[in-house]
């Protein structure tokens, strides 16, 4: 009788319609718990024949003379293949931003409005 009960359970499972498929998970990495974003207004790029090293930090005096050294808070090391993919992704992102909001002027002297024109 126990064998009959097992076979009945198996046949019930076979006759039960399949549950709807779950939505596919999004591709790409997930954010780990405790992930802390950083802000950097300074980056130093160095490298070796195999790797590229990006040091990020916060420059407390981004304009004028540097009285304090910039403290590097994060270091990103990657191979040149990954660096090239990052360069492409950043380039595309910057192009979209400039198309939507205008050209990003990297020379701060060209961005600052003189006191006499305010």
C-alpha atoms as a PDB file:
ATOM      1  CA  UNK A   1       0.000   0.000   0.000  1.00  0.00           C
ATOM      2  CA  UNK A   2       2.871   2.367   0.735  1.00  0.00           C
ATOM      3  CA  UNK A   3       4.191   1.776  -2.766  1.00  0.00           C
ATOM      4  CA  UNK A   4       0.763   2.638  -4.221  1.00  0.00           C
ATOM      5  CA  UNK A   5       0.677   5.918  -2.261  1.00  0.00           C
ATOM      6  CA  UNK A   6       4.078   6.880  -3.616  1.00  0.00           C
ATOM      7  CA  UNK A   7       3.029   6.155  -7.183  1.00  0.00           C
ATOM      8  CA  UNK A   8      -0.160   8.198  -6.667  1.00  0.00           C
ATOM      9  CA  UNK A   9       1.899  11.177  -5.486  1.00  0.00           C
ATOM     10  CA  UNK A  10       4.176  10.897  -8.500  1.00  0.00           C
ATOM     11  CA  UNK A  11       1.245  10.751 -10.894  1.00  0.00           C
ATOM     12  CA  UNK A  12      -0.409  13.755  -9.224  1.00  0.00           C
ATOM     13  CA  UNK A  13       2.765  15.758  -9.681  1.00  0.00           C
ATOM     14  CA  UNK A  14       2.937  14.771 -13.306  1.00  0.00           C
ATOM     15  CA  UNK A  15      -0.664  15.879 -13.893  1.00  0.00           C
ATOM     16  CA  UNK A  16      -0.340  19.187 -12.026  1.00  0.00           C
ATOM     17  CA  UNK A  17       0.197  22.045 -14.456  1.00  0.00           C
ATOM     18  CA  UNK A  18       3.593  23.683 -14.250  1.00  0.00           C
ATOM     19  CA  UNK A  19       3.837  26.881 -12.261  1.00  0.00           C
ATOM     20  CA  UNK A  20       4.303  30.009 -14.330  1.00  0.00           C
ATOM     21  CA  UNK A  21       7.940  30.744 -15.024  1.00  0.00           C
ATOM     22  CA  UNK A  22       9.466  33.283 -12.707  1.00  0.00           C
ATOM     23  CA  UNK A  23      10.590  36.551 -14.197  1.00  0.00           C
ATOM     24  CA  UNK A  24      14.171  36.238 -15.399  1.00  0.00           C
ATOM     25  CA  UNK A  25      16.725  37.780 -13.064  1.00  0.00           C
ATOM     26  CA  UNK A  26      18.378  40.928 -14.306  1.00  0.00           C
ATOM     27  CA  UNK A  27      21.783  40.348 -15.777  1.00  0.00           C
ATOM     28  CA  UNK A  28      24.746  41.930 -14.100  1.00  0.00           C
ATOM     29  CA  UNK A  29      26.201  42.127 -10.645  1.00  0.00           C
ATOM     30  CA  UNK A  30      24.163  42.678  -7.530  1.00  0.00           C
ATOM     31  CA  UNK A  31      25.079  45.208  -4.873  1.00  0.00           C
ATOM     32  CA  UNK A  32      26.515  43.571  -1.790  1.00  0.00           C
ATOM     33  CA  UNK A  33      25.239  44.447   1.633  1.00  0.00           C
ATOM     34  CA  UNK A  34      27.161  47.316   3.204  1.00  0.00           C
ATOM     35  CA  UNK A  35      28.333  48.782  -0.103  1.00  0.00           C
ATOM     36  CA  UNK A  36      29.535  52.310   0.578  1.00  0.00           C
ATOM     37  CA  UNK A  37      29.762  54.798  -2.284  1.00  0.00           C
ATOM     38  CA  UNK A  38      32.700  57.165  -2.378  1.00  0.00           C
ATOM     39  CA  UNK A  39      33.084  60.608  -3.878  1.00  0.00           C
ATOM     40  CA  UNK A  40      36.331  61.527  -5.588  1.00  0.00           C
ATOM     41  CA  UNK A  41      37.398  64.763  -7.215  1.00  0.00           C
ATOM     42  CA  UNK A  42      40.952  63.511  -7.722  1.00  0.00           C
ATOM     43  CA  UNK A  43      42.299  60.550  -9.658  1.00  0.00           C
ATOM     44  CA  UNK A  44      45.879  59.514 -10.311  1.00  0.00           C
ATOM     45  CA  UNK A  45      46.526  57.029 -13.120  1.00  0.00           C
ATOM     46  CA  UNK A  46      49.626  54.841 -13.077  1.00  0.00           C
ATOM     47  CA  UNK A  47      50.350  51.418 -14.393  1.00  0.00           C
ATOM     48  CA  UNK A  48      52.625  48.595 -15.306  1.00  0.00           C
ATOM     49  CA  UNK A  49      52.837  46.619 -18.538  1.00  0.00           C
ATOM     50  CA  UNK A  50      50.061  44.308 -17.242  1.00  0.00           C
ATOM     51  CA  UNK A  51      47.804  46.497 -15.100  1.00  0.00           C
ATOM     52  CA  UNK A  52      46.378  49.967 -14.787  1.00  0.00           C
ATOM     53  CA  UNK A  53      46.142  51.534 -11.325  1.00  0.00           C
ATOM     54  CA  UNK A  54      43.606  54.269 -10.531  1.00  0.00           C
ATOM     55  CA  UNK A  55      43.954  56.000  -7.156  1.00  0.00           C
ATOM     56  CA  UNK A  56      40.910  58.009  -6.054  1.00  0.00           C
ATOM     57  CA  UNK A  57      40.769  60.655  -3.378  1.00  0.00           C
ATOM     58  CA  UNK A  58      39.206  63.865  -2.169  1.00  0.00           C
ATOM     59  CA  UNK A  59      41.131  67.041  -2.868  1.00  0.00           C
ATOM     60  CA  UNK A  60      40.093  69.528  -0.159  1.00  0.00           C
ATOM     61  CA  UNK A  61      41.489  72.426  -2.243  1.00  0.00           C
ATOM     62  CA  UNK A  62      40.638  71.699  -5.876  1.00  0.00           C
ATOM     63  CA  UNK A  63      41.441  75.306  -6.866  1.00  0.00           C
ATOM     64  CA  UNK A  64      44.619  77.269  -6.231  1.00  0.00           C
ATOM     65  CA  UNK A  65      47.757  76.245  -4.360  1.00  0.00           C
ATOM     66  CA  UNK A  66      47.933  72.836  -2.748  1.00  0.00           C
ATOM     67  CA  UNK A  67      48.715  73.272   0.961  1.00  0.00           C
ATOM     68  CA  UNK A  68      47.722  69.726   1.906  1.00  0.00           C
ATOM     69  CA  UNK A  69      48.500  66.514   0.047  1.00  0.00           C
ATOM     70  CA  UNK A  70      45.509  64.653  -1.373  1.00  0.00           C
ATOM     71  CA  UNK A  71      44.690  61.578   0.684  1.00  0.00           C
ATOM     72  CA  UNK A  72      44.035  58.600  -1.573  1.00  0.00           C
ATOM     73  CA  UNK A  73      41.080  56.654  -0.195  1.00  0.00           C
ATOM     74  CA  UNK A  74      40.431  53.979  -2.832  1.00  0.00           C
ATOM     75  CA  UNK A  75      42.575  52.135  -5.364  1.00  0.00           C
ATOM     76  CA  UNK A  76      41.239  50.329  -8.415  1.00  0.00           C
ATOM     77  CA  UNK A  77      43.566  47.912 -10.206  1.00  0.00           C
ATOM     78  CA  UNK A  78      42.514  46.398 -13.517  1.00  0.00           C
ATOM     79  CA  UNK A  79      44.010  44.851 -16.609  1.00  0.00           C
ATOM     80  CA  UNK A  80      44.160  46.883 -19.800  1.00  0.00           C
ATOM     81  CA  UNK A  81      41.316  44.934 -21.447  1.00  0.00           C
ATOM     82  CA  UNK A  82      38.958  45.870 -18.627  1.00  0.00           C
ATOM     83  CA  UNK A  83      40.290  49.437 -18.692  1.00  0.00           C
ATOM     84  CA  UNK A  84      39.491  49.723 -22.392  1.00  0.00           C
ATOM     85  CA  UNK A  85      35.939  48.468 -21.826  1.00  0.00           C
ATOM     86  CA  UNK A  86      35.566  50.991 -18.983  1.00  0.00           C
ATOM     87  CA  UNK A  87      36.903  53.757 -21.251  1.00  0.00           C
ATOM     88  CA  UNK A  88      34.310  52.870 -23.895  1.00  0.00           C
ATOM     89  CA  UNK A  89      31.454  52.749 -21.385  1.00  0.00           C
ATOM     90  CA  UNK A  90      32.466  56.076 -19.836  1.00  0.00           C
ATOM     91  CA  UNK A  91      32.815  57.647 -23.275  1.00  0.00           C
ATOM     92  CA  UNK A  92      29.329  56.554 -24.310  1.00  0.00           C
ATOM     93  CA  UNK A  93      27.866  57.766 -21.030  1.00  0.00           C
ATOM     94  CA  UNK A  94      29.569  61.159 -21.353  1.00  0.00           C
ATOM     95  CA  UNK A  95      28.367  61.538 -24.963  1.00  0.00           C
ATOM     96  CA  UNK A  96      24.762  60.892 -23.908  1.00  0.00           C
ATOM     97  CA  UNK A  97      25.086  63.382 -21.048  1.00  0.00           C
ATOM     98  CA  UNK A  98      26.525  66.084 -23.314  1.00  0.00           C
ATOM     99  CA  UNK A  99      23.827  65.488 -25.922  1.00  0.00           C
ATOM    100  CA  UNK A 100      21.182  66.012 -23.257  1.00  0.00           C
ATOM    101  CA  UNK A 101      22.756  68.815 -21.215  1.00  0.00           C
ATOM    102  CA  UNK A 102      25.514  70.412 -23.287  1.00  0.00           C
ATOM    103  CA  UNK A 103      29.273  70.188 -23.433  1.00  0.00           C
ATOM    104  CA  UNK A 104      31.137  69.560 -20.188  1.00  0.00           C
ATOM    105  CA  UNK A 105      33.937  72.108 -19.903  1.00  0.00           C
ATOM    106  CA  UNK A 106      36.852  70.591 -17.995  1.00  0.00           C
ATOM    107  CA  UNK A 107      38.832  73.849 -17.755  1.00  0.00           C
ATOM    108  CA  UNK A 108      37.515  75.442 -14.561  1.00  0.00           C
ATOM    109  CA  UNK A 109      38.693  78.901 -15.688  1.00  0.00           C
ATOM    110  CA  UNK A 110      36.283  78.719 -18.625  1.00  0.00           C
ATOM    111  CA  UNK A 111      33.407  77.656 -16.358  1.00  0.00           C
ATOM    112  CA  UNK A 112      33.768  80.331 -13.684  1.00  0.00           C
ATOM    113  CA  UNK A 113      31.775  83.508 -14.236  1.00  0.00           C
ATOM    114  CA  UNK A 114      33.831  86.600 -13.301  1.00  0.00           C
ATOM    115  CA  UNK A 115      32.436  88.793 -10.472  1.00  0.00           C
ATOM    116  CA  UNK A 116      31.926  91.703 -12.900  1.00  0.00           C
ATOM    117  CA  UNK A 117      29.523  89.636 -15.037  1.00  0.00           C
ATOM    118  CA  UNK A 118      27.342  88.397 -12.179  1.00  0.00           C
END
